[in-house]
Structure formats: C-alpha cells, structure tokens
Protein backbone atom coordinates (compact mmCIF):
# COMPACT_ATOMS: atom_id res chain seq x y z
CA UNK A 1 93.45 117.64 111.30
CA UNK A 2 90.74 115.49 112.56
CA UNK A 3 90.47 113.83 115.82
CA UNK A 4 94.42 113.10 115.93
CA UNK A 5 94.07 110.39 113.35
CA UNK A 6 95.88 110.50 110.35
CA UNK A 7 95.82 107.98 107.38
CA UNK A 8 98.59 107.39 104.82
CA UNK A 9 99.86 104.28 103.09
CA UNK A 10 103.91 105.33 103.56
CA UNK A 11 106.39 107.37 105.23
CA UNK A 12 108.88 108.53 102.46
CA UNK A 13 111.75 111.00 102.44
CA UNK A 14 111.65 114.28 100.89
CA UNK A 15 114.21 113.04 98.42
CA UNK A 16 111.46 110.58 96.89
CA UNK A 17 109.75 113.54 95.39
CA UNK A 18 111.78 113.22 91.83
CA UNK A 19 110.36 112.30 88.29
CA UNK A 20 111.34 108.61 88.68
CA UNK A 21 109.31 108.20 91.90
CA UNK A 22 106.32 109.90 90.06
CA UNK A 23 107.05 107.66 86.86
CA UNK A 24 106.73 104.50 89.12
CA UNK A 25 103.59 105.69 90.92
CA UNK A 26 101.81 106.17 87.68
CA UNK A 27 102.49 102.37 86.67
CA UNK A 28 99.91 101.58 89.37
CA UNK A 29 97.07 103.57 87.57
CA UNK A 30 94.17 103.84 86.87
CA UNK A 31 93.61 105.32 90.66
CA UNK A 32 89.87 105.37 91.42
CA UNK A 33 87.91 102.96 93.54
CA UNK A 34 89.52 100.00 94.93
CA UNK A 35 92.97 101.43 93.73
CA UNK A 36 93.19 105.21 95.36
CA UNK A 37 96.20 107.16 94.81
CA UNK A 38 98.60 106.57 97.40
CA UNK A 39 98.97 109.11 100.28
CA UNK A 40 102.51 109.87 101.94
CA UNK A 41 103.94 111.29 105.13
CA UNK A 42 106.52 113.21 104.69
CA UNK A 43 108.23 114.62 107.95
CA UNK A 44 110.26 117.74 109.23
CA UNK A 45 109.27 120.45 106.50
CA UNK A 46 109.32 124.09 106.82
CA UNK A 47 107.06 126.42 105.28
CA UNK A 48 109.39 128.86 103.05
CA UNK A 49 106.39 130.66 101.00
CA UNK A 50 102.36 130.39 100.97
CA UNK A 51 100.04 132.21 99.17
CA UNK A 52 96.21 132.04 98.91
CA UNK A 53 94.75 131.35 95.20
CA UNK A 54 91.29 132.33 94.10
CA UNK A 55 90.46 132.82 97.87
CA UNK A 56 90.03 129.22 98.43
CA UNK A 57 93.21 127.52 98.14
CA UNK A 58 96.70 127.72 99.48
CA UNK A 59 99.93 127.26 97.32
CA UNK A 60 103.11 126.52 99.29
CA UNK A 61 106.85 126.06 99.06
CA UNK A 62 108.02 123.71 101.62
CA UNK A 63 111.74 122.92 102.50
CA UNK A 64 113.01 119.83 103.54
CA UNK A 65 116.09 119.85 106.02
CA UNK A 66 118.43 118.73 103.59
CA UNK A 67 117.27 121.80 101.38
CA UNK A 68 115.09 120.49 98.72
CA UNK A 69 112.35 122.80 97.66
CA UNK A 70 108.80 121.15 97.33
CA UNK A 71 105.98 122.65 95.43
CA UNK A 72 102.65 122.08 97.49
CA UNK A 73 99.12 122.99 97.11
CA UNK A 74 95.88 122.38 99.84
CA UNK A 75 92.86 122.62 97.71
CA UNK A 76 89.85 124.18 99.36
CA UNK A 77 91.22 125.08 102.58
CA UNK A 78 90.74 128.64 103.44
CA UNK A 79 88.60 129.08 106.98
CA UNK A 80 90.21 125.89 108.06
CA UNK A 81 92.41 125.45 111.07
CA UNK A 82 94.96 123.85 109.07
CA UNK A 83 94.87 126.89 106.76
CA UNK A 84 95.96 128.90 109.61
CA UNK A 85 98.79 126.96 110.40
CA UNK A 86 100.14 126.76 106.64
CA UNK A 87 99.92 130.29 106.41
CA UNK A 88 101.36 131.41 109.88
CA UNK A 89 103.33 128.41 111.08
CA UNK A 90 107.25 129.05 111.35
CA UNK A 91 108.24 125.54 112.90
CA UNK A 92 108.61 122.14 111.27
CA UNK A 93 105.74 120.08 110.40
CA UNK A 94 105.14 116.82 108.89
CA UNK A 95 102.76 116.71 105.78
CA UNK A 96 100.50 114.19 104.34
CA UNK A 97 99.85 114.35 100.89
CA UNK A 98 99.55 112.59 97.36
CA UNK A 99 102.15 113.29 94.70
CA UNK A 100 100.87 114.37 91.25
CA UNK A 101 102.08 116.40 88.29
CA UNK A 102 101.17 120.02 87.69
CA UNK A 103 100.71 121.49 84.21
CA UNK A 104 100.99 124.85 83.81
CA UNK A 105 101.63 126.88 80.78
CA UNK A 106 102.69 123.71 78.96
CA UNK A 107 105.41 123.26 81.86
CA UNK A 108 105.10 120.10 83.92
CA UNK A 109 106.23 119.68 87.59
CA UNK A 110 105.80 117.79 90.48
CA UNK A 111 103.20 118.99 93.18
CA UNK A 112 102.37 117.83 96.56
CA UNK A 113 98.51 117.97 97.18
CA UNK A 114 98.44 118.25 100.94
CA UNK A 115 95.78 116.13 102.74
CA UNK A 116 96.50 116.81 106.32
CA UNK A 117 99.48 118.10 108.70
CA UNK A 118 100.77 117.01 111.72
CA UNK A 119 102.84 119.38 114.05
C-alpha cells in the first residue's frame, strides 16, 4: 500500500478469471513499454490459505463471495506491510493484480499476480 493511491485499469468480477477472459487478454499482446499488461481491481475476496515460498514470495488461495477459488501470488513481498495482511488478515480484501498463466509440471493454470491490496 502506497500513500492510499491505487492504480488499476478496470474493476472486474472474480468470475472473469476464466480461461476465455485470459485468451482475450492475450490478443492485446505483446505487452511492454507503451502496452502494459492490464491491472484489475477485484473486490471482496477472503484469504483461504497463504504460504511463504523461498523466503520471499507469498502464495495464496483467495475465495470470492460466490465460492470461486483464485490462485494468487505476491512476489518479493516478505517483510512488507502487505505481506503481514496477506498472512494473517481474516476479513475481506480488495486486490489489485494482473492475470497470467502459471505453468508448473506441464500443467497450465490461471494465476492472479497481486500488485496491491485495499482493506
């Protein structure tokens, strides 16, 4: 959280986090200078599970009010105020993040890369 200023391109429903939405985002590639990866606000998520990876990242499972589970990660976050919330916070949060594809053991899943949170 930086001085209570939050930047994102659009607010979306947690139900948007599906393969079809991601495929439509990929049509906007290539991302880089002048065409940044879109950043979204997703409201009212609860933290179901969080764990620290490699002493520097936090992996989370977030849950929407409708029961959708969202795999998420916050890179290089240990020893930050946001990490303290992601590890121990029990109320709903609003997340600002980017949707991308995670490939692990030849399995592709959608993942929300957290950039910021709003309580």
